[in-house]
Amino acid sequence: MPGSWGFSPKLSQWKEFITWWEKTSLDKSFHPLVPNNLATVWYSENRRLGNAGNMWTMWYIYFNWKFHKYVLYPNIQPKHQGFSHNWQEPGLNRYGHAGLQPTGPLVVKWLPDFDTLPSLPPIVLTNGTVLNELNGKMTV
């Protein structure tokens, strides 16, 4: 599922999304709801509160879901390292206190193994189900 932490889309896909969003968002009766997705719950709550306009990510999640796009996320073992943090600071999407621990360790040294992807990377559906664990092959 796409998100905004460490977000760095391919330029051509971002342009495709913006073109789609500019057209689709004109229909004020349309809402980008993805079944069985936690972000849809958050979007619906923000919509109820009149804040859904702040959630551009919900539109991007919907776009990726609708058009069967994928996002590559690092989960580098053995420490589940990544390339970005969420510092969990108070703001638009978080309430509470600053000073919490970041969400995970960062990669601080590039290793040659990082350039090698598995032949069948895990595919996680919008509801959190890992597709490869269900059927052992990459089919959607």
N, C-alpha and C. Protein backbone atom coordinates (compact mmCIF):
# COMPACT_ATOMS: atom_id res chain seq x y z
N MET A 1 0.85 -1.18 0.00
CA MET A 1 0.00 0.00 0.00
C MET A 1 0.89 1.23 0.00
N PRO A 2 0.66 2.15 -0.89
CA PRO A 2 1.48 3.36 -0.92
C PRO A 2 1.23 4.23 0.30
N GLY A 3 2.23 4.94 0.68
CA GLY A 3 2.12 5.88 1.79
C GLY A 3 3.03 7.06 1.54
N SER A 4 3.10 7.96 2.48
CA SER A 4 3.88 9.18 2.27
C SER A 4 5.22 9.18 2.98
N TRP A 5 5.56 8.17 3.75
CA TRP A 5 6.86 8.14 4.43
C TRP A 5 7.93 7.77 3.42
N GLY A 6 8.90 8.64 3.24
CA GLY A 6 9.96 8.36 2.29
C GLY A 6 9.46 8.25 0.87
N PHE A 7 8.41 8.97 0.56
CA PHE A 7 7.70 8.86 -0.71
C PHE A 7 8.57 9.38 -1.85
N SER A 8 8.78 8.56 -2.86
CA SER A 8 9.58 8.95 -4.01
C SER A 8 9.08 8.19 -5.24
N PRO A 9 7.95 8.64 -5.82
CA PRO A 9 7.38 7.90 -6.95
C PRO A 9 8.19 8.10 -8.23
N LYS A 10 8.03 7.17 -9.13
CA LYS A 10 8.59 7.31 -10.47
C LYS A 10 7.87 8.48 -11.13
N LEU A 11 8.61 9.37 -11.80
CA LEU A 11 8.03 10.58 -12.36
C LEU A 11 6.85 10.29 -13.29
N SER A 12 6.98 9.31 -14.16
CA SER A 12 5.90 9.03 -15.11
C SER A 12 4.63 8.58 -14.38
N GLN A 13 4.80 7.79 -13.31
CA GLN A 13 3.62 7.35 -12.56
C GLN A 13 3.00 8.52 -11.80
N TRP A 14 3.83 9.42 -11.26
CA TRP A 14 3.30 10.58 -10.55
C TRP A 14 2.50 11.47 -11.51
N LYS A 15 3.02 11.68 -12.71
CA LYS A 15 2.30 12.49 -13.70
C LYS A 15 0.97 11.83 -14.06
N GLU A 16 0.98 10.51 -14.21
CA GLU A 16 -0.25 9.77 -14.50
C GLU A 16 -1.26 9.95 -13.37
N PHE A 17 -0.79 9.87 -12.13
CA PHE A 17 -1.66 10.08 -10.98
C PHE A 17 -2.24 11.49 -10.97
N ILE A 18 -1.41 12.49 -11.16
CA ILE A 18 -1.88 13.89 -11.12
C ILE A 18 -2.93 14.13 -12.20
N THR A 19 -2.69 13.63 -13.40
CA THR A 19 -3.67 13.77 -14.49
C THR A 19 -4.99 13.12 -14.10
N TRP A 20 -4.93 11.90 -13.56
CA TRP A 20 -6.14 11.20 -13.11
C TRP A 20 -6.82 11.98 -12.00
N TRP A 21 -6.06 12.44 -11.00
CA TRP A 21 -6.62 13.14 -9.85
C TRP A 21 -7.30 14.45 -10.29
N GLU A 22 -6.66 15.21 -11.17
CA GLU A 22 -7.24 16.47 -11.62
C GLU A 22 -8.61 16.26 -12.25
N LYS A 23 -8.78 15.19 -12.99
CA LYS A 23 -10.06 14.88 -13.62
C LYS A 23 -11.05 14.31 -12.60
N THR A 24 -10.62 13.31 -11.84
CA THR A 24 -11.51 12.58 -10.94
C THR A 24 -12.00 13.44 -9.78
N SER A 25 -11.15 14.30 -9.26
CA SER A 25 -11.52 15.11 -8.09
C SER A 25 -12.55 16.18 -8.41
N LEU A 26 -12.82 16.41 -9.69
CA LEU A 26 -13.88 17.36 -10.06
C LEU A 26 -15.26 16.83 -9.69
N ASP A 27 -15.40 15.53 -9.63
CA ASP A 27 -16.67 14.90 -9.24
C ASP A 27 -16.77 14.90 -7.72
N LYS A 28 -17.47 15.85 -7.16
CA LYS A 28 -17.54 16.02 -5.70
C LYS A 28 -18.29 14.89 -5.02
N SER A 29 -19.00 14.06 -5.78
CA SER A 29 -19.70 12.93 -5.17
C SER A 29 -18.80 11.69 -5.06
N PHE A 30 -17.63 11.75 -5.70
CA PHE A 30 -16.71 10.60 -5.68
C PHE A 30 -15.81 10.67 -4.45
N HIS A 31 -15.61 9.53 -3.81
CA HIS A 31 -14.68 9.43 -2.68
C HIS A 31 -13.79 8.22 -2.91
N PRO A 32 -12.47 8.38 -2.73
CA PRO A 32 -11.52 7.30 -3.03
C PRO A 32 -11.47 6.25 -1.92
N LEU A 33 -12.45 5.38 -1.89
CA LEU A 33 -12.56 4.39 -0.82
C LEU A 33 -12.08 3.03 -1.32
N VAL A 34 -11.13 2.46 -0.61
CA VAL A 34 -10.58 1.14 -0.95
C VAL A 34 -11.11 0.15 0.07
N PRO A 35 -11.77 -0.92 -0.37
CA PRO A 35 -12.34 -1.90 0.57
C PRO A 35 -11.27 -2.52 1.47
N ASN A 36 -11.64 -2.75 2.72
CA ASN A 36 -10.78 -3.44 3.69
C ASN A 36 -9.42 -2.78 3.88
N ASN A 37 -9.40 -1.45 3.88
CA ASN A 37 -8.15 -0.72 3.99
C ASN A 37 -8.24 0.27 5.15
N LEU A 38 -7.25 0.25 6.04
CA LEU A 38 -7.27 1.11 7.21
C LEU A 38 -7.28 2.59 6.83
N ALA A 39 -6.57 2.96 5.77
CA ALA A 39 -6.55 4.36 5.35
C ALA A 39 -7.95 4.83 4.95
N THR A 40 -8.79 3.94 4.44
CA THR A 40 -10.17 4.28 4.11
C THR A 40 -10.94 4.64 5.38
N VAL A 41 -10.68 3.91 6.46
CA VAL A 41 -11.32 4.22 7.75
C VAL A 41 -10.90 5.62 8.19
N TRP A 42 -9.60 5.92 8.12
CA TRP A 42 -9.11 7.25 8.51
C TRP A 42 -9.71 8.33 7.61
N TYR A 43 -9.75 8.07 6.31
CA TYR A 43 -10.31 9.04 5.37
C TYR A 43 -11.78 9.30 5.69
N SER A 44 -12.53 8.24 5.94
CA SER A 44 -13.96 8.38 6.24
C SER A 44 -14.17 9.21 7.50
N GLU A 45 -13.34 8.98 8.51
CA GLU A 45 -13.44 9.77 9.75
C GLU A 45 -13.08 11.23 9.49
N ASN A 46 -12.03 11.47 8.73
CA ASN A 46 -11.66 12.84 8.39
C ASN A 46 -12.73 13.51 7.54
N ARG A 47 -13.36 12.75 6.66
CA ARG A 47 -14.46 13.29 5.85
C ARG A 47 -15.61 13.71 6.75
N ARG A 48 -15.93 12.87 7.74
CA ARG A 48 -17.00 13.20 8.68
C ARG A 48 -16.68 14.49 9.44
N LEU A 49 -15.39 14.71 9.74
CA LEU A 49 -14.96 15.90 10.47
C LEU A 49 -14.70 17.10 9.55
N GLY A 50 -14.82 16.89 8.25
CA GLY A 50 -14.59 17.97 7.29
C GLY A 50 -13.12 18.17 6.95
N ASN A 51 -12.27 17.18 7.22
CA ASN A 51 -10.83 17.31 6.97
C ASN A 51 -10.31 16.39 5.87
N ALA A 52 -11.16 15.75 5.12
CA ALA A 52 -10.70 14.76 4.13
C ALA A 52 -9.84 15.39 3.05
N GLY A 53 -9.99 16.68 2.82
CA GLY A 53 -9.19 17.36 1.80
C GLY A 53 -7.70 17.33 2.10
N ASN A 54 -7.34 17.05 3.35
CA ASN A 54 -5.93 16.98 3.74
C ASN A 54 -5.28 15.65 3.39
N MET A 55 -6.07 14.67 2.94
CA MET A 55 -5.55 13.31 2.75
C MET A 55 -5.29 12.99 1.28
N TRP A 56 -4.30 13.65 0.68
CA TRP A 56 -3.94 13.34 -0.71
C TRP A 56 -3.51 11.88 -0.84
N THR A 57 -2.96 11.32 0.23
CA THR A 57 -2.48 9.94 0.17
C THR A 57 -3.61 8.96 -0.10
N MET A 58 -4.82 9.26 0.37
CA MET A 58 -5.94 8.35 0.12
C MET A 58 -6.23 8.28 -1.37
N TRP A 59 -6.12 9.39 -2.06
CA TRP A 59 -6.31 9.40 -3.51
C TRP A 59 -5.23 8.57 -4.20
N TYR A 60 -4.00 8.67 -3.70
CA TYR A 60 -2.91 7.91 -4.30
C TYR A 60 -3.05 6.42 -4.02
N ILE A 61 -3.49 6.08 -2.82
CA ILE A 61 -3.76 4.68 -2.49
C ILE A 61 -4.84 4.13 -3.41
N TYR A 62 -5.92 4.88 -3.57
CA TYR A 62 -7.02 4.44 -4.44
C TYR A 62 -6.53 4.27 -5.89
N PHE A 63 -5.78 5.25 -6.38
CA PHE A 63 -5.25 5.20 -7.75
C PHE A 63 -4.43 3.92 -7.96
N ASN A 64 -3.55 3.62 -7.02
CA ASN A 64 -2.72 2.42 -7.13
C ASN A 64 -3.56 1.16 -7.08
N TRP A 65 -4.55 1.14 -6.20
CA TRP A 65 -5.44 -0.02 -6.08
C TRP A 65 -6.25 -0.22 -7.36
N LYS A 66 -6.85 0.86 -7.86
CA LYS A 66 -7.72 0.78 -9.04
C LYS A 66 -6.96 0.32 -10.28
N PHE A 67 -5.75 0.82 -10.45
CA PHE A 67 -4.99 0.55 -11.67
C PHE A 67 -3.90 -0.51 -11.47
N HIS A 68 -3.96 -1.24 -10.37
CA HIS A 68 -3.05 -2.37 -10.10
C HIS A 68 -1.58 -1.96 -10.16
N LYS A 69 -1.27 -0.84 -9.51
CA LYS A 69 0.11 -0.37 -9.41
C LYS A 69 0.70 -0.91 -8.11
N TYR A 70 2.01 -0.94 -8.04
CA TYR A 70 2.69 -1.46 -6.86
C TYR A 70 3.71 -0.46 -6.36
N VAL A 71 4.07 -0.60 -5.10
CA VAL A 71 5.06 0.24 -4.46
C VAL A 71 6.11 -0.68 -3.85
N LEU A 72 7.35 -0.35 -4.04
CA LEU A 72 8.44 -1.15 -3.48
C LEU A 72 8.86 -0.53 -2.15
N TYR A 73 8.79 -1.32 -1.08
CA TYR A 73 9.19 -0.87 0.25
C TYR A 73 10.36 -1.71 0.73
N PRO A 74 11.39 -1.06 1.25
CA PRO A 74 12.48 -1.84 1.83
C PRO A 74 12.10 -2.35 3.22
N ASN A 75 12.49 -3.56 3.50
CA ASN A 75 12.35 -4.15 4.83
C ASN A 75 13.59 -5.02 5.00
N ILE A 76 14.71 -4.33 5.18
CA ILE A 76 16.01 -4.98 5.11
C ILE A 76 16.30 -5.71 6.41
N GLN A 77 16.54 -6.99 6.26
CA GLN A 77 16.78 -7.87 7.40
C GLN A 77 18.25 -7.78 7.82
N PRO A 78 18.61 -8.09 9.06
CA PRO A 78 17.74 -8.71 10.06
C PRO A 78 17.02 -7.71 10.96
N LYS A 79 17.24 -6.40 10.76
CA LYS A 79 16.70 -5.42 11.71
C LYS A 79 15.48 -4.66 11.17
N HIS A 80 14.91 -5.10 10.07
CA HIS A 80 13.77 -4.41 9.45
C HIS A 80 14.11 -2.95 9.17
N GLN A 81 15.27 -2.71 8.57
CA GLN A 81 15.71 -1.35 8.28
C GLN A 81 14.99 -0.80 7.06
N GLY A 82 14.92 0.53 6.99
CA GLY A 82 14.31 1.20 5.86
C GLY A 82 15.06 2.47 5.51
N PHE A 83 14.49 3.27 4.61
CA PHE A 83 15.13 4.49 4.15
C PHE A 83 14.45 5.75 4.65
N SER A 84 13.46 5.61 5.51
CA SER A 84 12.77 6.78 6.05
C SER A 84 12.25 6.47 7.45
N HIS A 85 11.96 7.53 8.18
CA HIS A 85 11.39 7.44 9.52
C HIS A 85 10.07 8.18 9.57
N ASN A 86 9.23 7.79 10.47
CA ASN A 86 8.14 8.64 10.92
C ASN A 86 8.51 8.99 12.35
N TRP A 87 8.76 10.24 12.61
CA TRP A 87 9.18 10.67 13.94
C TRP A 87 8.00 10.79 14.90
N GLN A 88 6.80 10.52 14.43
CA GLN A 88 5.59 10.49 15.26
C GLN A 88 5.38 11.82 16.00
N GLU A 89 5.65 12.91 15.30
CA GLU A 89 5.47 14.23 15.90
C GLU A 89 4.02 14.67 15.76
N PRO A 90 3.55 15.49 16.69
CA PRO A 90 2.18 16.01 16.57
C PRO A 90 2.05 16.83 15.28
N GLY A 91 0.91 16.74 14.66
CA GLY A 91 0.69 17.49 13.44
C GLY A 91 -0.59 17.07 12.77
N LEU A 92 -0.59 17.16 11.45
CA LEU A 92 -1.79 16.91 10.67
C LEU A 92 -2.41 15.55 10.94
N ASN A 93 -1.60 14.50 11.00
CA ASN A 93 -2.13 13.15 11.14
C ASN A 93 -1.77 12.47 12.45
N ARG A 94 -1.29 13.21 13.39
CA ARG A 94 -0.90 12.59 14.66
C ARG A 94 -1.19 13.56 15.80
N TYR A 95 -1.77 13.01 16.85
CA TYR A 95 -2.04 13.78 18.04
C TYR A 95 -1.15 13.23 19.15
N GLY A 96 -0.74 14.06 20.05
CA GLY A 96 0.07 13.55 21.15
C GLY A 96 1.29 14.40 21.38
N HIS A 97 2.35 13.75 21.80
CA HIS A 97 3.54 14.46 22.25
C HIS A 97 4.73 14.12 21.36
N ALA A 98 5.58 15.12 21.15
CA ALA A 98 6.82 14.89 20.43
C ALA A 98 7.77 14.10 21.32
N GLY A 99 8.82 13.58 20.74
CA GLY A 99 9.82 12.88 21.52
C GLY A 99 9.63 11.38 21.57
N LEU A 100 8.66 10.84 20.82
CA LEU A 100 8.50 9.39 20.76
C LEU A 100 9.61 8.80 19.90
N GLN A 101 9.84 7.52 20.05
CA GLN A 101 10.84 6.84 19.24
C GLN A 101 10.40 6.81 17.77
N PRO A 102 11.34 6.93 16.84
CA PRO A 102 10.98 6.79 15.43
C PRO A 102 10.48 5.38 15.15
N THR A 103 9.87 5.20 14.00
CA THR A 103 9.19 3.94 13.69
C THR A 103 10.12 2.77 13.38
N GLY A 104 11.35 3.00 13.08
CA GLY A 104 12.24 1.88 12.79
C GLY A 104 13.64 2.35 12.47
N PRO A 105 14.61 1.43 12.46
CA PRO A 105 15.99 1.82 12.19
C PRO A 105 16.21 2.16 10.72
N LEU A 106 17.09 3.12 10.49
CA LEU A 106 17.44 3.52 9.13
C LEU A 106 18.64 2.74 8.62
N VAL A 107 18.68 2.56 7.32
CA VAL A 107 19.88 2.03 6.67
C VAL A 107 20.93 3.14 6.73
N VAL A 108 22.09 2.84 7.27
CA VAL A 108 23.14 3.85 7.36
C VAL A 108 24.35 3.50 6.49
N LYS A 109 24.37 2.28 5.97
CA LYS A 109 25.46 1.86 5.08
C LYS A 109 24.87 0.99 3.97
N TRP A 110 25.17 1.37 2.73
CA TRP A 110 24.67 0.62 1.59
C TRP A 110 25.52 -0.64 1.40
N LEU A 111 24.85 -1.76 1.26
CA LEU A 111 25.53 -3.03 1.03
C LEU A 111 25.16 -3.56 -0.36
N PRO A 112 26.06 -4.27 -1.03
CA PRO A 112 25.78 -4.78 -2.37
C PRO A 112 24.52 -5.66 -2.43
N ASP A 113 24.21 -6.35 -1.35
CA ASP A 113 23.01 -7.21 -1.33
C ASP A 113 21.72 -6.42 -1.57
N PHE A 114 21.73 -5.12 -1.26
CA PHE A 114 20.52 -4.31 -1.42
C PHE A 114 20.11 -4.16 -2.88
N ASP A 115 21.06 -4.38 -3.79
CA ASP A 115 20.77 -4.25 -5.22
C ASP A 115 20.12 -5.51 -5.80
N THR A 116 19.98 -6.53 -5.01
CA THR A 116 19.43 -7.80 -5.47
C THR A 116 18.06 -8.02 -4.86
N LEU A 117 17.05 -8.03 -5.69
CA LEU A 117 15.70 -8.29 -5.21
C LEU A 117 15.39 -9.77 -5.35
N PRO A 118 14.53 -10.28 -4.49
CA PRO A 118 14.13 -11.68 -4.64
C PRO A 118 13.36 -11.88 -5.95
N SER A 119 13.41 -13.08 -6.50
CA SER A 119 12.70 -13.35 -7.75
C SER A 119 11.20 -13.20 -7.57
N LEU A 120 10.71 -13.42 -6.38
CA LEU A 120 9.29 -13.27 -6.08
C LEU A 120 9.14 -12.44 -4.80
N PRO A 121 9.18 -11.09 -4.93
CA PRO A 121 9.05 -10.27 -3.72
C PRO A 121 7.66 -10.41 -3.12
N PRO A 122 7.53 -10.27 -1.82
CA PRO A 122 6.20 -10.35 -1.19
C PRO A 122 5.28 -9.26 -1.73
N ILE A 123 4.05 -9.62 -2.01
CA ILE A 123 3.03 -8.66 -2.42
C ILE A 123 2.01 -8.59 -1.30
N VAL A 124 1.85 -7.39 -0.75
CA VAL A 124 0.92 -7.19 0.35
C VAL A 124 -0.30 -6.46 -0.19
N LEU A 125 -1.47 -7.07 -0.05
CA LEU A 125 -2.71 -6.46 -0.52
C LEU A 125 -3.12 -5.33 0.41
N THR A 126 -4.10 -4.53 -0.01
CA THR A 126 -4.51 -3.37 0.77
C THR A 126 -5.09 -3.72 2.13
N ASN A 127 -5.50 -4.96 2.33
CA ASN A 127 -6.03 -5.37 3.64
C ASN A 127 -4.95 -6.00 4.52
N GLY A 128 -3.70 -5.99 4.04
CA GLY A 128 -2.59 -6.53 4.82
C GLY A 128 -2.26 -7.98 4.54
N THR A 129 -3.05 -8.66 3.71
CA THR A 129 -2.79 -10.05 3.36
C THR A 129 -1.56 -10.12 2.44
N VAL A 130 -0.65 -11.03 2.75
CA VAL A 130 0.52 -11.24 1.89
C VAL A 130 0.13 -12.25 0.81
N LEU A 131 0.03 -11.79 -0.43
CA LEU A 131 -0.46 -12.61 -1.53
C LEU A 131 0.39 -13.85 -1.74
N ASN A 132 1.70 -13.70 -1.73
CA ASN A 132 2.59 -14.83 -1.99
C ASN A 132 2.39 -15.94 -0.97
N GLU A 133 2.04 -15.60 0.26
CA GLU A 133 1.83 -16.61 1.28
C GLU A 133 0.52 -17.36 1.05
N LEU A 134 -0.40 -16.75 0.30
CA LEU A 134 -1.68 -17.40 0.03
C LEU A 134 -1.56 -18.47 -1.05
N ASN A 135 -0.85 -18.12 -2.13
CA ASN A 135 -0.84 -19.06 -3.26
C ASN A 135 0.54 -19.39 -3.81
N GLY A 136 1.59 -18.80 -3.24
CA GLY A 136 2.94 -19.14 -3.65
C GLY A 136 3.35 -18.64 -5.02
N LYS A 137 2.53 -17.82 -5.65
CA LYS A 137 2.92 -17.28 -6.95
C LYS A 137 2.41 -15.86 -7.08
N MET A 138 2.97 -15.14 -8.05
CA MET A 138 2.65 -13.74 -8.22
C MET A 138 1.56 -13.58 -9.27
N THR A 139 0.31 -13.64 -8.83
CA THR A 139 -0.81 -13.40 -9.72
C THR A 139 -1.80 -12.50 -9.01
N VAL A 140 -2.32 -11.55 -9.72
CA VAL A 140 -3.32 -10.64 -9.15
C VAL A 140 -4.49 -10.57 -10.10
